[in-house]
């Protein structure tokens, strides 16, 4: 799959990433290379290979399912760049 500068421009706009016109061709070449590598993965024979989450069969440690008081809201919100009324304030992303 070949990606051109127009596709890079469209993806950058959708992702709200500002890129200069001079970099679009370079990014198109880099992304095309990534897509070619991904297409090579389709050639790998995976018949009979079970899906797995890890190469090593390890049991995850379990903890007791205990009800707690929860975190300290004020301490958590102290890390926020902006908080109002006990909630995080974030920029609007849907118009």
PDB file of N, CA and C in Angstrom:
ATOM      1  N   UNK A   1       0.856  -1.186   0.000  1.00  0.00           N
ATOM      2  CA  UNK A   1       0.000   0.000   0.000  1.00  0.00           C
ATOM      3  C   UNK A   1       0.890   1.233   0.000  1.00  0.00           C
ATOM      4  N   UNK A   2       0.643   2.106  -0.913  1.00  0.00           N
ATOM      5  CA  UNK A   2       1.428   3.324  -1.026  1.00  0.00           C
ATOM      6  C   UNK A   2       0.610   4.498  -0.485  1.00  0.00           C
ATOM      7  N   UNK A   3       1.252   5.292   0.319  1.00  0.00           N
ATOM      8  CA  UNK A   3       0.589   6.453   0.914  1.00  0.00           C
ATOM      9  C   UNK A   3       1.193   7.702   0.293  1.00  0.00           C
ATOM     10  N   UNK A   4       0.343   8.605  -0.151  1.00  0.00           N
ATOM     11  CA  UNK A   4       0.833   9.837  -0.758  1.00  0.00           C
ATOM     12  C   UNK A   4       0.674  11.012   0.202  1.00  0.00           C
ATOM     13  N   UNK A   5       1.193  12.159  -0.196  1.00  0.00           N
ATOM     14  CA  UNK A   5       1.165  13.350   0.660  1.00  0.00           C
ATOM     15  C   UNK A   5      -0.265  13.788   0.963  1.00  0.00           C
ATOM     16  N   UNK A   6      -1.183  13.609   0.025  1.00  0.00           N
ATOM     17  CA  UNK A   6      -2.579  13.999   0.260  1.00  0.00           C
ATOM     18  C   UNK A   6      -3.203  13.165   1.376  1.00  0.00           C
ATOM     19  N   UNK A   7      -2.869  11.871   1.414  1.00  0.00           N
ATOM     20  CA  UNK A   7      -3.390  11.005   2.475  1.00  0.00           C
ATOM     21  C   UNK A   7      -2.806  11.407   3.817  1.00  0.00           C
ATOM     22  N   UNK A   8      -1.506  11.711   3.840  1.00  0.00           N
ATOM     23  CA  UNK A   8      -0.863  12.158   5.085  1.00  0.00           C
ATOM     24  C   UNK A   8      -1.516  13.450   5.567  1.00  0.00           C
ATOM     25  N   UNK A   9      -1.785  14.371   4.644  1.00  0.00           N
ATOM     26  CA  UNK A   9      -2.429  15.640   5.012  1.00  0.00           C
ATOM     27  C   UNK A   9      -3.805  15.378   5.632  1.00  0.00           C
ATOM     28  N   UNK A  10      -4.567  14.454   5.024  1.00  0.00           N
ATOM     29  CA  UNK A  10      -5.910  14.141   5.523  1.00  0.00           C
ATOM     30  C   UNK A  10      -5.846  13.492   6.909  1.00  0.00           C
ATOM     31  N   UNK A  11      -4.937  12.534   7.089  1.00  0.00           N
ATOM     32  CA  UNK A  11      -4.801  11.864   8.389  1.00  0.00           C
ATOM     33  C   UNK A  11      -4.342  12.856   9.456  1.00  0.00           C
ATOM     34  N   UNK A  12      -3.408  13.722   9.111  1.00  0.00           N
ATOM     35  CA  UNK A  12      -2.933  14.725  10.062  1.00  0.00           C
ATOM     36  C   UNK A  12      -4.065  15.660  10.476  1.00  0.00           C
ATOM     37  N   UNK A  13      -4.904  16.032   9.522  1.00  0.00           N
ATOM     38  CA  UNK A  13      -6.041  16.910   9.844  1.00  0.00           C
ATOM     39  C   UNK A  13      -7.026  16.192  10.770  1.00  0.00           C
ATOM     40  N   UNK A  14      -7.317  14.916  10.470  1.00  0.00           N
ATOM     41  CA  UNK A  14      -8.243  14.155  11.313  1.00  0.00           C
ATOM     42  C   UNK A  14      -7.702  13.961  12.726  1.00  0.00           C
ATOM     43  N   UNK A  15      -6.370  13.835  12.841  1.00  0.00           N
ATOM     44  CA  UNK A  15      -5.737  13.621  14.145  1.00  0.00           C
ATOM     45  C   UNK A  15      -5.403  14.940  14.845  1.00  0.00           C
ATOM     46  N   UNK A  16      -5.745  16.049  14.218  1.00  0.00           N
ATOM     47  CA  UNK A  16      -5.437  17.381  14.752  1.00  0.00           C
ATOM     48  C   UNK A  16      -3.935  17.543  14.981  1.00  0.00           C
ATOM     49  N   UNK A  17      -3.145  17.077  14.005  1.00  0.00           N
ATOM     50  CA  UNK A  17      -1.693  17.219  14.035  1.00  0.00           C
ATOM     51  C   UNK A  17      -1.308  18.195  12.935  1.00  0.00           C
ATOM     52  N   UNK A  18      -0.615  19.238  13.306  1.00  0.00           N
ATOM     53  CA  UNK A  18      -0.212  20.240  12.333  1.00  0.00           C
ATOM     54  C   UNK A  18       1.165  19.865  11.789  1.00  0.00           C
ATOM     55  N   UNK A  19       1.247  19.640  10.490  1.00  0.00           N
ATOM     56  CA  UNK A  19       2.506  19.308   9.824  1.00  0.00           C
ATOM     57  C   UNK A  19       2.730  20.285   8.684  1.00  0.00           C
ATOM     58  N   UNK A  20       3.988  20.670   8.494  1.00  0.00           N
ATOM     59  CA  UNK A  20       4.313  21.586   7.400  1.00  0.00           C
ATOM     60  C   UNK A  20       4.224  20.836   6.070  1.00  0.00           C
ATOM     61  N   UNK A  21       3.976  21.579   5.013  1.00  0.00           N
ATOM     62  CA  UNK A  21       3.884  20.987   3.677  1.00  0.00           C
ATOM     63  C   UNK A  21       5.199  20.313   3.286  1.00  0.00           C
ATOM     64  N   UNK A  22       6.315  20.843   3.771  1.00  0.00           N
ATOM     65  CA  UNK A  22       7.627  20.294   3.416  1.00  0.00           C
ATOM     66  C   UNK A  22       7.824  18.886   3.978  1.00  0.00           C
ATOM     67  N   UNK A  23       7.191  18.577   5.108  1.00  0.00           N
ATOM     68  CA  UNK A  23       7.369  17.267   5.747  1.00  0.00           C
ATOM     69  C   UNK A  23       6.397  16.213   5.235  1.00  0.00           C
ATOM     70  N   UNK A  24       5.380  16.599   4.498  1.00  0.00           N
ATOM     71  CA  UNK A  24       4.366  15.643   4.065  1.00  0.00           C
ATOM     72  C   UNK A  24       4.941  14.534   3.188  1.00  0.00           C
ATOM     73  N   UNK A  25       5.822  14.875   2.269  1.00  0.00           N
ATOM     74  CA  UNK A  25       6.404  13.857   1.388  1.00  0.00           C
ATOM     75  C   UNK A  25       7.269  12.881   2.182  1.00  0.00           C
ATOM     76  N   UNK A  26       8.058  13.402   3.129  1.00  0.00           N
ATOM     77  CA  UNK A  26       8.898  12.539   3.964  1.00  0.00           C
ATOM     78  C   UNK A  26       8.038  11.601   4.802  1.00  0.00           C
ATOM     79  N   UNK A  27       6.984  12.126   5.385  1.00  0.00           N
ATOM     80  CA  UNK A  27       6.088  11.291   6.189  1.00  0.00           C
ATOM     81  C   UNK A  27       5.387  10.251   5.331  1.00  0.00           C
ATOM     82  N   UNK A  28       5.049  10.613   4.098  1.00  0.00           N
ATOM     83  CA  UNK A  28       4.392   9.664   3.195  1.00  0.00           C
ATOM     84  C   UNK A  28       5.313   8.484   2.907  1.00  0.00           C
ATOM     85  N   UNK A  29       6.588   8.746   2.679  1.00  0.00           N
ATOM     86  CA  UNK A  29       7.557   7.674   2.420  1.00  0.00           C
ATOM     87  C   UNK A  29       7.704   6.792   3.665  1.00  0.00           C
ATOM     88  N   UNK A  30       7.810   7.407   4.846  1.00  0.00           N
ATOM     89  CA  UNK A  30       7.959   6.643   6.086  1.00  0.00           C
ATOM     90  C   UNK A  30       6.728   5.782   6.354  1.00  0.00           C
ATOM     91  N   UNK A  31       5.545   6.355   6.199  1.00  0.00           N
ATOM     92  CA  UNK A  31       4.321   5.593   6.445  1.00  0.00           C
ATOM     93  C   UNK A  31       4.129   4.487   5.419  1.00  0.00           C
ATOM     94  N   UNK A  32       4.527   4.723   4.173  1.00  0.00           N
ATOM     95  CA  UNK A  32       4.442   3.674   3.155  1.00  0.00           C
ATOM     96  C   UNK A  32       5.344   2.508   3.532  1.00  0.00           C
ATOM     97  N   UNK A  33       6.538   2.807   4.045  1.00  0.00           N
ATOM     98  CA  UNK A  33       7.443   1.751   4.495  1.00  0.00           C
ATOM     99  C   UNK A  33       6.854   0.941   5.631  1.00  0.00           C
ATOM    100  N   UNK A  34       6.203   1.607   6.570  1.00  0.00           N
ATOM    101  CA  UNK A  34       5.555   0.916   7.691  1.00  0.00           C
ATOM    102  C   UNK A  34       4.440   0.015   7.178  1.00  0.00           C
ATOM    103  N   UNK A  35       3.644   0.525   6.240  1.00  0.00           N
ATOM    104  CA  UNK A  35       2.550  -0.276   5.693  1.00  0.00           C
ATOM    105  C   UNK A  35       3.071  -1.485   4.922  1.00  0.00           C
ATOM    106  N   UNK A  36       4.197  -1.344   4.212  1.00  0.00           N
ATOM    107  CA  UNK A  36       4.787  -2.479   3.495  1.00  0.00           C
ATOM    108  C   UNK A  36       5.243  -3.544   4.487  1.00  0.00           C
ATOM    109  N   UNK A  37       5.809  -3.115   5.609  1.00  0.00           N
ATOM    110  CA  UNK A  37       6.242  -4.064   6.635  1.00  0.00           C
ATOM    111  C   UNK A  37       5.030  -4.805   7.214  1.00  0.00           C
ATOM    112  N   UNK A  38       3.949  -4.088   7.438  1.00  0.00           N
ATOM    113  CA  UNK A  38       2.731  -4.715   7.964  1.00  0.00           C
ATOM    114  C   UNK A  38       2.180  -5.714   6.958  1.00  0.00           C
ATOM    115  N   UNK A  39       2.219  -5.379   5.669  1.00  0.00           N
ATOM    116  CA  UNK A  39       1.748  -6.303   4.638  1.00  0.00           C
ATOM    117  C   UNK A  39       2.589  -7.577   4.596  1.00  0.00           C
ATOM    118  N   UNK A  40       3.876  -7.488   4.929  1.00  0.00           N
ATOM    119  CA  UNK A  40       4.737  -8.670   4.988  1.00  0.00           C
ATOM    120  C   UNK A  40       4.265  -9.624   6.077  1.00  0.00           C
ATOM    121  N   UNK A  41       3.693  -9.097   7.137  1.00  0.00           N
ATOM    122  CA  UNK A  41       3.200  -9.953   8.219  1.00  0.00           C
ATOM    123  C   UNK A  41       2.067 -10.857   7.748  1.00  0.00           C
ATOM    124  N   UNK A  42       1.327 -10.435   6.718  1.00  0.00           N
ATOM    125  CA  UNK A  42       0.252 -11.265   6.169  1.00  0.00           C
ATOM    126  C   UNK A  42       0.791 -12.532   5.515  1.00  0.00           C
ATOM    127  N   UNK A  43       2.064 -12.538   5.151  1.00  0.00           N
ATOM    128  CA  UNK A  43       2.662 -13.695   4.497  1.00  0.00           C
ATOM    129  C   UNK A  43       3.067 -14.785   5.491  1.00  0.00           C
ATOM    130  N   UNK A  44       3.079 -14.480   6.773  1.00  0.00           N
ATOM    131  CA  UNK A  44       3.490 -15.449   7.793  1.00  0.00           C
ATOM    132  C   UNK A  44       2.394 -16.499   7.958  1.00  0.00           C
ATOM    133  N   UNK A  45       2.799 -17.779   7.924  1.00  0.00           N
ATOM    134  CA  UNK A  45       1.854 -18.873   8.100  1.00  0.00           C
ATOM    135  C   UNK A  45       1.544 -19.035   9.591  1.00  0.00           C
ATOM    136  N   UNK A  46       0.320 -18.741   9.970  1.00  0.00           N
ATOM    137  CA  UNK A  46      -0.080 -18.836  11.375  1.00  0.00           C
ATOM    138  C   UNK A  46      -1.097 -19.946  11.606  1.00  0.00           C
ATOM    139  N   UNK A  47      -1.231 -20.860  10.639  1.00  0.00           N
ATOM    140  CA  UNK A  47      -2.163 -21.982  10.812  1.00  0.00           C
ATOM    141  C   UNK A  47      -1.690 -22.854  11.970  1.00  0.00           C
ATOM    142  N   UNK A  48      -2.598 -23.172  12.855  1.00  0.00           N
ATOM    143  CA  UNK A  48      -2.283 -24.025  13.996  1.00  0.00           C
ATOM    144  C   UNK A  48      -1.640 -23.294  15.164  1.00  0.00           C
ATOM    145  N   UNK A  49      -1.477 -21.988  15.060  1.00  0.00           N
ATOM    146  CA  UNK A  49      -0.894 -21.208  16.158  1.00  0.00           C
ATOM    147  C   UNK A  49      -2.039 -20.619  16.964  1.00  0.00           C
ATOM    148  N   UNK A  50      -2.072 -20.966  18.247  1.00  0.00           N
ATOM    149  CA  UNK A  50      -3.136 -20.445  19.102  1.00  0.00           C
ATOM    150  C   UNK A  50      -2.841 -19.002  19.494  1.00  0.00           C
ATOM    151  N   UNK A  51      -3.865 -18.163  19.555  1.00  0.00           N
ATOM    152  CA  UNK A  51      -3.658 -16.795  20.027  1.00  0.00           C
ATOM    153  C   UNK A  51      -3.182 -16.816  21.476  1.00  0.00           C
ATOM    154  N   UNK A  52      -2.286 -15.890  21.798  1.00  0.00           N
ATOM    155  CA  UNK A  52      -1.775 -15.843  23.167  1.00  0.00           C
ATOM    156  C   UNK A  52      -1.491 -14.404  23.551  1.00  0.00           C
ATOM    157  N   UNK A  53      -1.481 -14.175  24.844  1.00  0.00           N
ATOM    158  CA  UNK A  53      -1.196 -12.845  25.356  1.00  0.00           C
ATOM    159  C   UNK A  53       0.271 -12.705  25.739  1.00  0.00           C
ATOM    160  N   UNK A  54       0.950 -13.834  25.915  1.00  0.00           N
ATOM    161  CA  UNK A  54       2.347 -13.801  26.325  1.00  0.00           C
ATOM    162  C   UNK A  54       3.052 -15.032  25.774  1.00  0.00           C
ATOM    163  N   UNK A  55       4.364 -14.925  25.584  1.00  0.00           N
ATOM    164  CA  UNK A  55       5.134 -16.069  25.112  1.00  0.00           C
ATOM    165  C   UNK A  55       5.407 -17.049  26.243  1.00  0.00           C
ATOM    166  N   UNK A  56       5.184 -16.620  27.470  1.00  0.00           N
ATOM    167  CA  UNK A  56       5.426 -17.458  28.645  1.00  0.00           C
ATOM    168  C   UNK A  56       4.098 -17.652  29.365  1.00  0.00           C
ATOM    169  N   UNK A  57       3.776 -18.902  29.679  1.00  0.00           N
ATOM    170  CA  UNK A  57       2.525 -19.179  30.398  1.00  0.00           C
ATOM    171  C   UNK A  57       2.721 -18.851  31.883  1.00  0.00           C
ATOM    172  N   UNK A  58       2.234 -17.704  32.290  1.00  0.00           N
ATOM    173  CA  UNK A  58       2.381 -17.254  33.667  1.00  0.00           C
ATOM    174  C   UNK A  58       1.003 -16.898  34.201  1.00  0.00           C
ATOM    175  N   UNK A  59       0.708 -17.357  35.387  1.00  0.00           N
ATOM    176  CA  UNK A  59      -0.547 -16.977  36.035  1.00  0.00           C
ATOM    177  C   UNK A  59      -0.387 -15.594  36.648  1.00  0.00           C
ATOM    178  N   UNK A  60      -1.356 -14.738  36.414  1.00  0.00           N
ATOM    179  CA  UNK A  60      -1.309 -13.408  37.002  1.00  0.00           C
ATOM    180  C   UNK A  60      -1.599 -13.485  38.493  1.00  0.00           C
ATOM    181  N   UNK A  61      -0.911 -12.672  39.281  1.00  0.00           N
ATOM    182  CA  UNK A  61      -1.196 -12.692  40.715  1.00  0.00           C
ATOM    183  C   UNK A  61      -2.605 -12.171  40.980  1.00  0.00           C
ATOM    184  N   UNK A  62      -3.288 -12.806  41.882  1.00  0.00           N
ATOM    185  CA  UNK A  62      -4.647 -12.396  42.224  1.00  0.00           C
ATOM    186  C   UNK A  62      -4.616 -11.650  43.552  1.00  0.00           C
ATOM    187  N   UNK A  63      -5.532 -10.728  43.710  1.00  0.00           N
ATOM    188  CA  UNK A  63      -5.676 -10.018  44.978  1.00  0.00           C
ATOM    189  C   UNK A  63      -7.094 -10.214  45.473  1.00  0.00           C
ATOM    190  N   UNK A  64      -7.272 -10.006  46.740  1.00  0.00           N
ATOM    191  CA  UNK A  64      -8.600 -10.129  47.315  1.00  0.00           C
ATOM    192  C   UNK A  64      -9.510  -9.043  46.752  1.00  0.00           C
ATOM    193  N   UNK A  65     -10.749  -9.414  46.487  1.00  0.00           N
ATOM    194  CA  UNK A  65     -11.735  -8.466  45.994  1.00  0.00           C
ATOM    195  C   UNK A  65     -12.380  -7.811  47.210  1.00  0.00           C
ATOM    196  N   UNK A  66     -11.813  -6.688  47.613  1.00  0.00           N
ATOM    197  CA  UNK A  66     -12.235  -6.030  48.842  1.00  0.00           C
ATOM    198  C   UNK A  66     -12.724  -4.624  48.513  1.00  0.00           C
ATOM    199  N   UNK A  67     -13.826  -4.234  49.125  1.00  0.00           N
ATOM    200  CA  UNK A  67     -14.352  -2.885  48.952  1.00  0.00           C
ATOM    201  C   UNK A  67     -13.504  -1.932  49.786  1.00  0.00           C
ATOM    202  N   UNK A  68     -13.072  -0.826  49.159  1.00  0.00           N
ATOM    203  CA  UNK A  68     -12.283   0.177  49.879  1.00  0.00           C
ATOM    204  C   UNK A  68     -12.992   1.516  49.802  1.00  0.00           C
ATOM    205  N   UNK A  69     -12.448   2.489  50.501  1.00  0.00           N
ATOM    206  CA  UNK A  69     -13.034   3.827  50.476  1.00  0.00           C
ATOM    207  C   UNK A  69     -12.763   4.531  49.149  1.00  0.00           C
ATOM    208  N   UNK A  70     -11.792   4.070  48.419  1.00  0.00           N
ATOM    209  CA  UNK A  70     -11.434   4.733  47.174  1.00  0.00           C
ATOM    210  C   UNK A  70     -10.323   5.734  47.408  1.00  0.00           C
ATOM    211  N   UNK A  71     -10.003   6.468  46.367  1.00  0.00           N
ATOM    212  CA  UNK A  71      -8.909   7.430  46.464  1.00  0.00           C
ATOM    213  C   UNK A  71      -9.358   8.738  47.086  1.00  0.00           C
ATOM    214  N   UNK A  72      -8.393   9.591  47.270  1.00  0.00           N
ATOM    215  CA  UNK A  72      -8.650  10.922  47.800  1.00  0.00           C
ATOM    216  C   UNK A  72      -8.832  11.858  46.602  1.00  0.00           C
ATOM    217  N   UNK A  73     -10.067  12.288  46.364  1.00  0.00           N
ATOM    218  CA  UNK A  73     -10.390  13.090  45.192  1.00  0.00           C
ATOM    219  C   UNK A  73      -9.540  14.349  45.114  1.00  0.00           C
ATOM    220  N   UNK A  74      -9.348  15.027  46.230  1.00  0.00           N
ATOM    221  CA  UNK A  74      -8.586  16.275  46.208  1.00  0.00           C
ATOM    222  C   UNK A  74      -7.128  16.034  45.837  1.00  0.00           C
ATOM    223  N   UNK A  75      -6.558  14.926  46.314  1.00  0.00           N
ATOM    224  CA  UNK A  75      -5.166  14.605  45.962  1.00  0.00           C
ATOM    225  C   UNK A  75      -5.046  14.277  44.482  1.00  0.00           C
ATOM    226  N   UNK A  76      -6.032  13.569  43.940  1.00  0.00           N
ATOM    227  CA  UNK A  76      -6.008  13.222  42.525  1.00  0.00           C
ATOM    228  C   UNK A  76      -6.172  14.476  41.671  1.00  0.00           C
ATOM    229  N   UNK A  77      -7.115  15.321  42.019  1.00  0.00           N
ATOM    230  CA  UNK A  77      -7.360  16.540  41.240  1.00  0.00           C
ATOM    231  C   UNK A  77      -6.219  17.544  41.362  1.00  0.00           C
ATOM    232  N   UNK A  78      -5.391  17.420  42.398  1.00  0.00           N
ATOM    233  CA  UNK A  78      -4.237  18.312  42.538  1.00  0.00           C
ATOM    234  C   UNK A  78      -3.259  18.106  41.391  1.00  0.00           C
ATOM    235  N   UNK A  79      -3.286  16.935  40.751  1.00  0.00           N
ATOM    236  CA  UNK A  79      -2.400  16.651  39.613  1.00  0.00           C
ATOM    237  C   UNK A  79      -2.938  17.202  38.301  1.00  0.00           C
ATOM    238  N   UNK A  80      -4.181  17.625  38.283  1.00  0.00           N
ATOM    239  CA  UNK A  80      -4.809  18.076  37.036  1.00  0.00           C
ATOM    240  C   UNK A  80      -4.358  19.494  36.694  1.00  0.00           C
ATOM    241  N   UNK A  81      -4.148  19.774  35.401  1.00  0.00           N
ATOM    242  CA  UNK A  81      -3.824  21.143  35.014  1.00  0.00           C
ATOM    243  C   UNK A  81      -4.973  22.102  35.317  1.00  0.00           C
ATOM    244  N   UNK A  82      -6.223  21.572  35.232  1.00  0.00           N
ATOM    245  CA  UNK A  82      -7.385  22.411  35.505  1.00  0.00           C
ATOM    246  C   UNK A  82      -8.511  21.534  36.053  1.00  0.00           C
ATOM    247  N   UNK A  83      -9.063  21.935  37.194  1.00  0.00           N
ATOM    248  CA  UNK A  83     -10.177  21.201  37.800  1.00  0.00           C
ATOM    249  C   UNK A  83     -11.218  22.216  38.254  1.00  0.00           C
ATOM    250  N   UNK A  84     -12.484  21.784  38.160  1.00  0.00           N
ATOM    251  CA  UNK A  84     -13.559  22.680  38.572  1.00  0.00           C
ATOM    252  C   UNK A  84     -14.700  21.831  39.124  1.00  0.00           C
ATOM    253  N   UNK A  85     -15.189  22.153  40.301  1.00  0.00           N
ATOM    254  CA  UNK A  85     -16.331  21.464  40.884  1.00  0.00           C
ATOM    255  C   UNK A  85     -16.071  19.993  41.180  1.00  0.00           C
ATOM    256  N   UNK A  86     -14.824  19.632  41.445  1.00  0.00           N
ATOM    257  CA  UNK A  86     -14.501  18.243  41.743  1.00  0.00           C
ATOM    258  C   UNK A  86     -14.304  17.369  40.520  1.00  0.00           C
ATOM    259  N   UNK A  87     -14.165  17.985  39.338  1.00  0.00           N
ATOM    260  CA  UNK A  87     -13.988  17.225  38.095  1.00  0.00           C
ATOM    261  C   UNK A  87     -12.801  17.769  37.318  1.00  0.00           C
ATOM    262  N   UNK A  88     -12.221  16.915  36.461  1.00  0.00           N
ATOM    263  CA  UNK A  88     -11.182  17.357  35.543  1.00  0.00           C
ATOM    264  C   UNK A  88     -11.833  18.223  34.470  1.00  0.00           C
ATOM    265  N   UNK A  89     -11.171  19.281  34.070  1.00  0.00           N
ATOM    266  CA  UNK A  89     -11.627  20.124  32.965  1.00  0.00           C
ATOM    267  C   UNK A  89     -10.722  19.799  31.778  1.00  0.00           C
ATOM    268  N   UNK A  90     -11.345  19.355  30.673  1.00  0.00           N
ATOM    269  CA  UNK A  90     -10.579  18.969  29.480  1.00  0.00           C
ATOM    270  C   UNK A  90     -11.092  19.759  28.289  1.00  0.00           C
ATOM    271  N   UNK A  91     -10.269  19.898  27.249  1.00  0.00           N
ATOM    272  CA  UNK A  91     -10.726  20.614  26.054  1.00  0.00           C
ATOM    273  C   UNK A  91     -11.821  19.833  25.333  1.00  0.00           C
ATOM    274  N   UNK A  92     -12.697  20.552  24.697  1.00  0.00           N
ATOM    275  CA  UNK A  92     -13.767  19.944  23.913  1.00  0.00           C
ATOM    276  C   UNK A  92     -13.150  19.285  22.679  1.00  0.00           C
ATOM    277  N   UNK A  93     -13.496  18.014  22.425  1.00  0.00           N
ATOM    278  CA  UNK A  93     -12.940  17.317  21.267  1.00  0.00           C
ATOM    279  C   UNK A  93     -13.995  16.981  20.227  1.00  0.00           C
ATOM    280  N   UNK A  94     -15.255  17.048  20.581  1.00  0.00           N
ATOM    281  CA  UNK A  94     -16.337  16.754  19.642  1.00  0.00           C
ATOM    282  C   UNK A  94     -17.083  18.053  19.381  1.00  0.00           C
ATOM    283  N   UNK A  95     -17.250  18.339  18.116  1.00  0.00           N
ATOM    284  CA  UNK A  95     -17.940  19.592  17.791  1.00  0.00           C
ATOM    285  C   UNK A  95     -19.339  19.320  17.306  1.00  0.00           C
TER     286      UNK A  95
END
